[in-house]
Protein backbone atom coordinates (compact mmCIF):
# COMPACT_ATOMS: atom_id res chain seq x y z
CA MET A 1 -8.89 18.05 87.00
CA ILE A 2 -7.90 14.43 87.68
CA GLN A 3 -4.57 13.10 86.23
CA TYR A 4 -3.38 9.57 86.15
CA LYS A 5 -0.49 7.69 86.87
CA LEU A 6 0.28 4.03 87.65
CA ASN A 7 1.18 2.74 90.97
CA SER A 8 3.76 -0.42 92.06
CA ASN A 9 0.88 -2.33 91.24
CA ASN A 10 0.18 -1.05 87.71
CA GLN A 11 -2.92 0.34 88.95
CA ALA A 12 -4.68 3.38 87.50
CA ILE A 13 -4.41 6.23 90.14
CA GLY A 14 -6.08 9.44 90.05
CA ILE A 15 -5.11 12.41 92.03
CA LYS A 16 -6.03 15.94 91.45
CA ILE A 17 -3.22 18.04 91.52
CA GLN A 18 -2.29 21.20 88.94
CA ASN A 19 1.36 20.58 88.66
CA TRP A 20 3.01 16.68 87.92
CA SER A 21 6.16 16.05 87.14
CA VAL A 22 5.30 12.66 85.96
CA PRO A 23 3.36 10.72 83.07
CA LYS A 24 -0.27 11.25 83.22
CA PHE A 25 -2.97 9.04 81.43
CA PRO A 26 -6.16 10.07 79.54
CA ALA A 27 -9.37 9.16 81.60
CA LYS A 28 -10.63 7.37 78.25
CA SER A 29 -7.35 4.81 78.18
CA VAL A 30 -7.65 3.82 81.90
CA MET A 31 -11.34 3.29 81.16
CA ASP A 32 -10.25 1.04 78.53
CA GLY A 33 -7.76 -0.57 80.52
CA LYS A 34 -5.20 0.63 78.31
CA PHE A 35 -2.69 2.94 79.68
CA CYS A 36 -0.82 5.64 77.15
CA LYS A 37 1.49 8.23 77.88
CA LEU A 38 0.66 11.76 77.33
CA THR A 39 3.28 13.55 75.23
């Protein structure tokens, strides 16, 4: 699974990792250029 976050330049970063304690962004929102937090 690839999970997304924003880096310091507000760019979508996809990292393959199992457990993340940071906000995750769905791939569709990344493709649309709209970043929505998964709750």
